[in-house]
Amino acid sequence: MNWIPQAADAAFAAELTQLRLQAGMSRHELAEQLGIQPADVDLSEAGQRRVDVVELFHWCQACGSSLDAFAERMDRRLASASLAAH
């Protein structure tokens, strides 16, 4: 799959946001569950803060999802972005 890093970063941030919204959580609620500041959730969802794999695991758990499901959605999102770019 050919994709550009900026597209992957944007897709990752969008997927984080979608995950939280589908769980019906506010940024503040998620931050509280993760033990981080609400501003960190904002920055992560804006693609301005990196999320490591351990934090992603907890983010997924807090939103009632899994790393596998997140990865599958990312694959689909990147494939769609790649097709749209061509």
PDB file of N, CA and C in Angstrom:
ATOM      1  N   MET A   1       0.845  -1.168   0.000  1.00  0.00           N
ATOM      2  CA  MET A   1       0.000   0.000   0.000  1.00  0.00           C
ATOM      3  C   MET A   1       0.892   1.234   0.000  1.00  0.00           C
ATOM      4  N   ASN A   2       0.607   2.167  -0.880  1.00  0.00           N
ATOM      5  CA  ASN A   2       1.343   3.422  -0.913  1.00  0.00           C
ATOM      6  C   ASN A   2       0.533   4.509  -0.253  1.00  0.00           C
ATOM      7  N   TRP A   3       1.089   5.087   0.793  1.00  0.00           N
ATOM      8  CA  TRP A   3       0.449   6.202   1.474  1.00  0.00           C
ATOM      9  C   TRP A   3       1.518   7.144   1.951  1.00  0.00           C
ATOM     10  N   ILE A   4       1.130   8.380   2.140  1.00  0.00           N
ATOM     11  CA  ILE A   4       2.102   9.365   2.597  1.00  0.00           C
ATOM     12  C   ILE A   4       1.965   9.529   4.110  1.00  0.00           C
ATOM     13  N   PRO A   5       3.069   9.812   4.782  1.00  0.00           N
ATOM     14  CA  PRO A   5       3.023   9.904   6.253  1.00  0.00           C
ATOM     15  C   PRO A   5       1.976  10.889   6.770  1.00  0.00           C
ATOM     16  N   GLN A   6       1.799  12.023   6.112  1.00  0.00           N
ATOM     17  CA  GLN A   6       0.815  12.995   6.578  1.00  0.00           C
ATOM     18  C   GLN A   6      -0.595  12.414   6.531  1.00  0.00           C
ATOM     19  N   ALA A   7      -0.872  11.637   5.505  1.00  0.00           N
ATOM     20  CA  ALA A   7      -2.189  11.007   5.385  1.00  0.00           C
ATOM     21  C   ALA A   7      -2.382   9.982   6.502  1.00  0.00           C
ATOM     22  N   ALA A   8      -1.330   9.257   6.824  1.00  0.00           N
ATOM     23  CA  ALA A   8      -1.418   8.269   7.894  1.00  0.00           C
ATOM     24  C   ALA A   8      -1.629   8.954   9.243  1.00  0.00           C
ATOM     25  N   ASP A   9      -0.913  10.056   9.472  1.00  0.00           N
ATOM     26  CA  ASP A   9      -1.081  10.805  10.723  1.00  0.00           C
ATOM     27  C   ASP A   9      -2.500  11.335  10.848  1.00  0.00           C
ATOM     28  N   ALA A  10      -3.031  11.882   9.754  1.00  0.00           N
ATOM     29  CA  ALA A  10      -4.394  12.422   9.765  1.00  0.00           C
ATOM     30  C   ALA A  10      -5.417  11.308   9.986  1.00  0.00           C
ATOM     31  N   ALA A  11      -5.190  10.165   9.353  1.00  0.00           N
ATOM     32  CA  ALA A  11      -6.106   9.027   9.521  1.00  0.00           C
ATOM     33  C   ALA A  11      -6.079   8.523  10.956  1.00  0.00           C
ATOM     34  N   PHE A  12      -4.897   8.462  11.544  1.00  0.00           N
ATOM     35  CA  PHE A  12      -4.760   8.002  12.925  1.00  0.00           C
ATOM     36  C   PHE A  12      -5.514   8.930  13.869  1.00  0.00           C
ATOM     37  N   ALA A  13      -5.315  10.231  13.707  1.00  0.00           N
ATOM     38  CA  ALA A  13      -5.997  11.211  14.562  1.00  0.00           C
ATOM     39  C   ALA A  13      -7.507  11.125  14.392  1.00  0.00           C
ATOM     40  N   ALA A  14      -7.962  10.988  13.163  1.00  0.00           N
ATOM     41  CA  ALA A  14      -9.404  10.882  12.899  1.00  0.00           C
ATOM     42  C   ALA A  14      -9.975   9.616  13.525  1.00  0.00           C
ATOM     43  N   GLU A  15      -9.209   8.543  13.471  1.00  0.00           N
ATOM     44  CA  GLU A  15      -9.677   7.274  14.054  1.00  0.00           C
ATOM     45  C   GLU A  15      -9.751   7.366  15.569  1.00  0.00           C
ATOM     46  N   LEU A  16      -8.798   8.061  16.196  1.00  0.00           N
ATOM     47  CA  LEU A  16      -8.866   8.273  17.645  1.00  0.00           C
ATOM     48  C   LEU A  16     -10.152   9.017  18.015  1.00  0.00           C
ATOM     49  N   THR A  17     -10.438  10.064  17.257  1.00  0.00           N
ATOM     50  CA  THR A  17     -11.636  10.865  17.517  1.00  0.00           C
ATOM     51  C   THR A  17     -12.892  10.021  17.332  1.00  0.00           C
ATOM     52  N   GLN A  18     -12.954   9.283  16.223  1.00  0.00           N
ATOM     53  CA  GLN A  18     -14.131   8.463  15.949  1.00  0.00           C
ATOM     54  C   GLN A  18     -14.341   7.419  17.037  1.00  0.00           C
ATOM     55  N   LEU A  19     -13.269   6.832  17.508  1.00  0.00           N
ATOM     56  CA  LEU A  19     -13.349   5.825  18.560  1.00  0.00           C
ATOM     57  C   LEU A  19     -13.995   6.408  19.813  1.00  0.00           C
ATOM     58  N   ARG A  20     -13.534   7.592  20.208  1.00  0.00           N
ATOM     59  CA  ARG A  20     -14.085   8.251  21.400  1.00  0.00           C
ATOM     60  C   ARG A  20     -15.547   8.618  21.202  1.00  0.00           C
ATOM     61  N   LEU A  21     -15.868   9.173  20.037  1.00  0.00           N
ATOM     62  CA  LEU A  21     -17.249   9.590  19.767  1.00  0.00           C
ATOM     63  C   LEU A  21     -18.200   8.395  19.729  1.00  0.00           C
ATOM     64  N   GLN A  22     -17.761   7.298  19.130  1.00  0.00           N
ATOM     65  CA  GLN A  22     -18.605   6.098  19.081  1.00  0.00           C
ATOM     66  C   GLN A  22     -18.848   5.535  20.474  1.00  0.00           C
ATOM     67  N   ALA A  23     -17.918   5.781  21.377  1.00  0.00           N
ATOM     68  CA  ALA A  23     -18.091   5.332  22.761  1.00  0.00           C
ATOM     69  C   ALA A  23     -18.980   6.299  23.548  1.00  0.00           C
ATOM     70  N   GLY A  24     -19.315   7.442  22.943  1.00  0.00           N
ATOM     71  CA  GLY A  24     -20.170   8.413  23.612  1.00  0.00           C
ATOM     72  C   GLY A  24     -19.472   9.148  24.742  1.00  0.00           C
ATOM     73  N   MET A  25     -18.165   9.296  24.611  1.00  0.00           N
ATOM     74  CA  MET A  25     -17.387   9.928  25.678  1.00  0.00           C
ATOM     75  C   MET A  25     -16.963  11.333  25.275  1.00  0.00           C
ATOM     76  N   SER A  26     -16.902  12.213  26.264  1.00  0.00           N
ATOM     77  CA  SER A  26     -16.325  13.533  26.037  1.00  0.00           C
ATOM     78  C   SER A  26     -14.812  13.420  26.135  1.00  0.00           C
ATOM     79  N   ARG A  27     -14.126  14.438  25.678  1.00  0.00           N
ATOM     80  CA  ARG A  27     -12.669  14.443  25.799  1.00  0.00           C
ATOM     81  C   ARG A  27     -12.261  14.404  27.270  1.00  0.00           C
ATOM     82  N   HIS A  28     -13.019  15.123  28.078  1.00  0.00           N
ATOM     83  CA  HIS A  28     -12.713  15.172  29.514  1.00  0.00           C
ATOM     84  C   HIS A  28     -12.895  13.786  30.150  1.00  0.00           C
ATOM     85  N   GLU A  29     -13.974  13.093  29.802  1.00  0.00           N
ATOM     86  CA  GLU A  29     -14.221  11.752  30.361  1.00  0.00           C
ATOM     87  C   GLU A  29     -13.115  10.781  29.965  1.00  0.00           C
ATOM     88  N   LEU A  30     -12.715  10.830  28.705  1.00  0.00           N
ATOM     89  CA  LEU A  30     -11.660   9.932  28.250  1.00  0.00           C
ATOM     90  C   LEU A  30     -10.346  10.248  28.950  1.00  0.00           C
ATOM     91  N   ALA A  31     -10.022  11.524  29.047  1.00  0.00           N
ATOM     92  CA  ALA A  31      -8.782  11.923  29.716  1.00  0.00           C
ATOM     93  C   ALA A  31      -8.762  11.408  31.148  1.00  0.00           C
ATOM     94  N   GLU A  32      -9.888  11.523  31.817  1.00  0.00           N
ATOM     95  CA  GLU A  32      -9.979  11.050  33.202  1.00  0.00           C
ATOM     96  C   GLU A  32      -9.706   9.551  33.280  1.00  0.00           C
ATOM     97  N   GLN A  33     -10.274   8.788  32.360  1.00  0.00           N
ATOM     98  CA  GLN A  33     -10.070   7.332  32.366  1.00  0.00           C
ATOM     99  C   GLN A  33      -8.625   6.965  32.040  1.00  0.00           C
ATOM    100  N   LEU A  34      -7.983   7.770  31.184  1.00  0.00           N
ATOM    101  CA  LEU A  34      -6.615   7.471  30.774  1.00  0.00           C
ATOM    102  C   LEU A  34      -5.577   8.026  31.739  1.00  0.00           C
ATOM    103  N   GLY A  35      -6.004   8.912  32.625  1.00  0.00           N
ATOM    104  CA  GLY A  35      -5.062   9.529  33.548  1.00  0.00           C
ATOM    105  C   GLY A  35      -4.186  10.579  32.880  1.00  0.00           C
ATOM    106  N   ILE A  36      -4.740  11.238  31.854  1.00  0.00           N
ATOM    107  CA  ILE A  36      -4.015  12.303  31.171  1.00  0.00           C
ATOM    108  C   ILE A  36      -4.868  13.564  31.204  1.00  0.00           C
ATOM    109  N   GLN A  37      -4.311  14.651  30.741  1.00  0.00           N
ATOM    110  CA  GLN A  37      -5.033  15.916  30.715  1.00  0.00           C
ATOM    111  C   GLN A  37      -5.965  15.966  29.501  1.00  0.00           C
ATOM    112  N   PRO A  38      -7.129  16.626  29.636  1.00  0.00           N
ATOM    113  CA  PRO A  38      -8.011  16.794  28.475  1.00  0.00           C
ATOM    114  C   PRO A  38      -7.290  17.439  27.288  1.00  0.00           C
ATOM    115  N   ALA A  39      -6.349  18.333  27.565  1.00  0.00           N
ATOM    116  CA  ALA A  39      -5.584  18.955  26.480  1.00  0.00           C
ATOM    117  C   ALA A  39      -4.778  17.917  25.704  1.00  0.00           C
ATOM    118  N   ASP A  40      -4.337  16.853  26.377  1.00  0.00           N
ATOM    119  CA  ASP A  40      -3.602  15.781  25.691  1.00  0.00           C
ATOM    120  C   ASP A  40      -4.514  15.033  24.727  1.00  0.00           C
ATOM    121  N   VAL A  41      -5.771  14.830  25.121  1.00  0.00           N
ATOM    122  CA  VAL A  41      -6.741  14.197  24.214  1.00  0.00           C
ATOM    123  C   VAL A  41      -6.954  15.117  23.011  1.00  0.00           C
ATOM    124  N   ASP A  42      -7.149  16.414  23.272  1.00  0.00           N
ATOM    125  CA  ASP A  42      -7.331  17.383  22.186  1.00  0.00           C
ATOM    126  C   ASP A  42      -6.158  17.335  21.210  1.00  0.00           C
ATOM    127  N   LEU A  43      -4.943  17.390  21.735  1.00  0.00           N
ATOM    128  CA  LEU A  43      -3.761  17.396  20.878  1.00  0.00           C
ATOM    129  C   LEU A  43      -3.607  16.086  20.105  1.00  0.00           C
ATOM    130  N   SER A  44      -3.930  14.973  20.742  1.00  0.00           N
ATOM    131  CA  SER A  44      -3.843  13.671  20.072  1.00  0.00           C
ATOM    132  C   SER A  44      -4.841  13.585  18.930  1.00  0.00           C
ATOM    133  N   GLU A  45      -6.060  14.037  19.193  1.00  0.00           N
ATOM    134  CA  GLU A  45      -7.099  13.979  18.161  1.00  0.00           C
ATOM    135  C   GLU A  45      -6.856  14.987  17.041  1.00  0.00           C
ATOM    136  N   ALA A  46      -6.041  15.997  17.308  1.00  0.00           N
ATOM    137  CA  ALA A  46      -5.687  16.980  16.282  1.00  0.00           C
ATOM    138  C   ALA A  46      -4.420  16.562  15.526  1.00  0.00           C
ATOM    139  N   GLY A  47      -3.830  15.437  15.926  1.00  0.00           N
ATOM    140  CA  GLY A  47      -2.615  14.967  15.284  1.00  0.00           C
ATOM    141  C   GLY A  47      -1.377  15.735  15.694  1.00  0.00           C
ATOM    142  N   GLN A  48      -1.453  16.441  16.804  1.00  0.00           N
ATOM    143  CA  GLN A  48      -0.333  17.258  17.266  1.00  0.00           C
ATOM    144  C   GLN A  48       0.408  16.631  18.442  1.00  0.00           C
ATOM    145  N   ARG A  49      -0.024  15.457  18.864  1.00  0.00           N
ATOM    146  CA  ARG A  49       0.617  14.734  19.961  1.00  0.00           C
ATOM    147  C   ARG A  49       0.644  13.261  19.602  1.00  0.00           C
ATOM    148  N   ARG A  50       1.793  12.647  19.729  1.00  0.00           N
ATOM    149  CA  ARG A  50       1.934  11.222  19.442  1.00  0.00           C
ATOM    150  C   ARG A  50       1.361  10.386  20.580  1.00  0.00           C
ATOM    151  N   VAL A  51       0.752   9.296  20.209  1.00  0.00           N
ATOM    152  CA  VAL A  51       0.205   8.335  21.167  1.00  0.00           C
ATOM    153  C   VAL A  51       1.008   7.055  21.014  1.00  0.00           C
ATOM    154  N   ASP A  52       1.617   6.587  22.110  1.00  0.00           N
ATOM    155  CA  ASP A  52       2.380   5.344  22.000  1.00  0.00           C
ATOM    156  C   ASP A  52       1.416   4.151  22.063  1.00  0.00           C
ATOM    157  N   VAL A  53       1.940   2.975  21.811  1.00  0.00           N
ATOM    158  CA  VAL A  53       1.096   1.785  21.696  1.00  0.00           C
ATOM    159  C   VAL A  53       0.416   1.431  23.021  1.00  0.00           C
ATOM    160  N   VAL A  54       1.073   1.689  24.130  1.00  0.00           N
ATOM    161  CA  VAL A  54       0.458   1.395  25.427  1.00  0.00           C
ATOM    162  C   VAL A  54      -0.726   2.328  25.678  1.00  0.00           C
ATOM    163  N   GLU A  55      -0.535   3.611  25.382  1.00  0.00           N
ATOM    164  CA  GLU A  55      -1.651   4.554  25.540  1.00  0.00           C
ATOM    165  C   GLU A  55      -2.768   4.224  24.567  1.00  0.00           C
ATOM    166  N   LEU A  56      -2.435   3.826  23.335  1.00  0.00           N
ATOM    167  CA  LEU A  56      -3.455   3.437  22.366  1.00  0.00           C
ATOM    168  C   LEU A  56      -4.250   2.235  22.873  1.00  0.00           C
ATOM    169  N   PHE A  57      -3.551   1.275  23.464  1.00  0.00           N
ATOM    170  CA  PHE A  57      -4.220   0.111  24.042  1.00  0.00           C
ATOM    171  C   PHE A  57      -5.252   0.550  25.091  1.00  0.00           C
ATOM    172  N   HIS A  58      -4.841   1.448  25.982  1.00  0.00           N
ATOM    173  CA  HIS A  58      -5.754   1.937  27.026  1.00  0.00           C
ATOM    174  C   HIS A  58      -6.881   2.781  26.430  1.00  0.00           C
ATOM    175  N   TRP A  59      -6.573   3.573  25.420  1.00  0.00           N
ATOM    176  CA  TRP A  59      -7.583   4.392  24.723  1.00  0.00           C
ATOM    177  C   TRP A  59      -8.655   3.468  24.149  1.00  0.00           C
ATOM    178  N   CYS A  60      -8.215   2.421  23.472  1.00  0.00           N
ATOM    179  CA  CYS A  60      -9.160   1.456  22.881  1.00  0.00           C
ATOM    180  C   CYS A  60     -10.000   0.792  23.965  1.00  0.00           C
ATOM    181  N   GLN A  61      -9.352   0.331  25.031  1.00  0.00           N
ATOM    182  CA  GLN A  61     -10.077  -0.315  26.127  1.00  0.00           C
ATOM    183  C   GLN A  61     -11.112   0.620  26.733  1.00  0.00           C
ATOM    184  N   ALA A  62     -10.728   1.868  26.977  1.00  0.00           N
ATOM    185  CA  ALA A  62     -11.640   2.840  27.588  1.00  0.00           C
ATOM    186  C   ALA A  62     -12.858   3.090  26.705  1.00  0.00           C
ATOM    187  N   CYS A  63     -12.663   2.939  25.399  1.00  0.00           N
ATOM    188  CA  CYS A  63     -13.750   3.181  24.445  1.00  0.00           C
ATOM    189  C   CYS A  63     -14.473   1.891  24.050  1.00  0.00           C
ATOM    190  N   GLY A  64     -14.139   0.786  24.707  1.00  0.00           N
ATOM    191  CA  GLY A  64     -14.817  -0.477  24.439  1.00  0.00           C
ATOM    192  C   GLY A  64     -14.399  -1.132  23.136  1.00  0.00           C
ATOM    193  N   SER A  65     -13.163  -0.907  22.730  1.00  0.00           N
ATOM    194  CA  SER A  65     -12.659  -1.482  21.484  1.00  0.00           C
ATOM    195  C   SER A  65     -11.377  -2.251  21.777  1.00  0.00           C
ATOM    196  N   SER A  66     -10.698  -2.646  20.716  1.00  0.00           N
ATOM    197  CA  SER A  66      -9.437  -3.379  20.855  1.00  0.00           C
ATOM    198  C   SER A  66      -8.423  -2.813  19.871  1.00  0.00           C
ATOM    199  N   LEU A  67      -7.158  -3.132  20.115  1.00  0.00           N
ATOM    200  CA  LEU A  67      -6.117  -2.728  19.171  1.00  0.00           C
ATOM    201  C   LEU A  67      -6.356  -3.350  17.796  1.00  0.00           C
ATOM    202  N   ASP A  68      -6.799  -4.601  17.767  1.00  0.00           N
ATOM    203  CA  ASP A  68      -7.069  -5.270  16.490  1.00  0.00           C
ATOM    204  C   ASP A  68      -8.129  -4.528  15.697  1.00  0.00           C
ATOM    205  N   ALA A  69      -9.219  -4.167  16.357  1.00  0.00           N
ATOM    206  CA  ALA A  69     -10.295  -3.452  15.665  1.00  0.00           C
ATOM    207  C   ALA A  69      -9.807  -2.088  15.188  1.00  0.00           C
ATOM    208  N   PHE A  70      -9.015  -1.411  16.017  1.00  0.00           N
ATOM    209  CA  PHE A  70      -8.468  -0.107  15.635  1.00  0.00           C
ATOM    210  C   PHE A  70      -7.592  -0.266  14.394  1.00  0.00           C
ATOM    211  N   ALA A  71      -6.727  -1.278  14.390  1.00  0.00           N
ATOM    212  CA  ALA A  71      -5.826  -1.508  13.251  1.00  0.00           C
ATOM    213  C   ALA A  71      -6.611  -1.822  11.980  1.00  0.00           C
ATOM    214  N   GLU A  72      -7.662  -2.591  12.101  1.00  0.00           N
ATOM    215  CA  GLU A  72      -8.487  -2.905  10.925  1.00  0.00           C
ATOM    216  C   GLU A  72      -9.133  -1.646  10.354  1.00  0.00           C
ATOM    217  N   ARG A  73      -9.644  -0.788  11.235  1.00  0.00           N
ATOM    218  CA  ARG A  73     -10.255   0.463  10.765  1.00  0.00           C
ATOM    219  C   ARG A  73      -9.199   1.368  10.122  1.00  0.00           C
ATOM    220  N   MET A  74      -7.998   1.389  10.700  1.00  0.00           N
ATOM    221  CA  MET A  74      -6.915   2.183  10.116  1.00  0.00           C
ATOM    222  C   MET A  74      -6.545   1.654   8.732  1.00  0.00           C
ATOM    223  N   ASP A  75      -6.470   0.343   8.585  1.00  0.00           N
ATOM    224  CA  ASP A  75      -6.174  -0.251   7.275  1.00  0.00           C
ATOM    225  C   ASP A  75      -7.202   0.185   6.241  1.00  0.00           C
ATOM    226  N   ARG A  76      -8.462   0.117   6.608  1.00  0.00           N
ATOM    227  CA  ARG A  76      -9.532   0.526   5.679  1.00  0.00           C
ATOM    228  C   ARG A  76      -9.426   2.011   5.352  1.00  0.00           C
ATOM    229  N   ARG A  77      -9.187   2.826   6.376  1.00  0.00           N
ATOM    230  CA  ARG A  77      -9.099   4.278   6.175  1.00  0.00           C
ATOM    231  C   ARG A  77      -7.914   4.615   5.258  1.00  0.00           C
ATOM    232  N   LEU A  78      -6.772   3.978   5.483  1.00  0.00           N
ATOM    233  CA  LEU A  78      -5.592   4.242   4.649  1.00  0.00           C
ATOM    234  C   LEU A  78      -5.778   3.729   3.230  1.00  0.00           C
ATOM    235  N   ALA A  79      -6.432   2.593   3.084  1.00  0.00           N
ATOM    236  CA  ALA A  79      -6.705   2.072   1.740  1.00  0.00           C
ATOM    237  C   ALA A  79      -7.612   3.033   0.979  1.00  0.00           C
ATOM    238  N   SER A  80      -8.619   3.569   1.650  1.00  0.00           N
ATOM    239  CA  SER A  80      -9.514   4.533   1.011  1.00  0.00           C
ATOM    240  C   SER A  80      -8.766   5.804   0.628  1.00  0.00           C
ATOM    241  N   ALA A  81      -7.897   6.278   1.511  1.00  0.00           N
ATOM    242  CA  ALA A  81      -7.121   7.484   1.230  1.00  0.00           C
ATOM    243  C   ALA A  81      -6.174   7.248   0.051  1.00  0.00           C
ATOM    244  N   SER A  82      -5.597   6.049  -0.006  1.00  0.00           N
ATOM    245  CA  SER A  82      -4.682   5.717  -1.076  1.00  0.00           C
ATOM    246  C   SER A  82      -5.405   5.677  -2.410  1.00  0.00           C
ATOM    247  N   LEU A  83      -6.598   5.089  -2.417  1.00  0.00           N
ATOM    248  CA  LEU A  83      -7.399   5.032  -3.661  1.00  0.00           C
ATOM    249  C   LEU A  83      -7.827   6.422  -4.098  1.00  0.00           C
ATOM    250  N   ALA A  84      -8.190   7.258  -3.140  1.00  0.00           N
ATOM    251  CA  ALA A  84      -8.644   8.611  -3.467  1.00  0.00           C
ATOM    252  C   ALA A  84      -7.498   9.449  -4.025  1.00  0.00           C
ATOM    253  N   ALA A  85      -6.269   9.142  -3.619  1.00  0.00           N
ATOM    254  CA  ALA A  85      -5.115   9.908  -4.082  1.00  0.00           C
ATOM    255  C   ALA A  85      -4.727   9.554  -5.512  1.00  0.00           C
ATOM    256  N   HIS A  86      -5.188   8.424  -5.988  1.00  0.00           N
ATOM    257  CA  HIS A  86      -4.820   7.977  -7.342  1.00  0.00           C
ATOM    258  C   HIS A  86      -5.896   8.226  -8.323  1.00  0.00           C
TER     259      HIS A  86
END
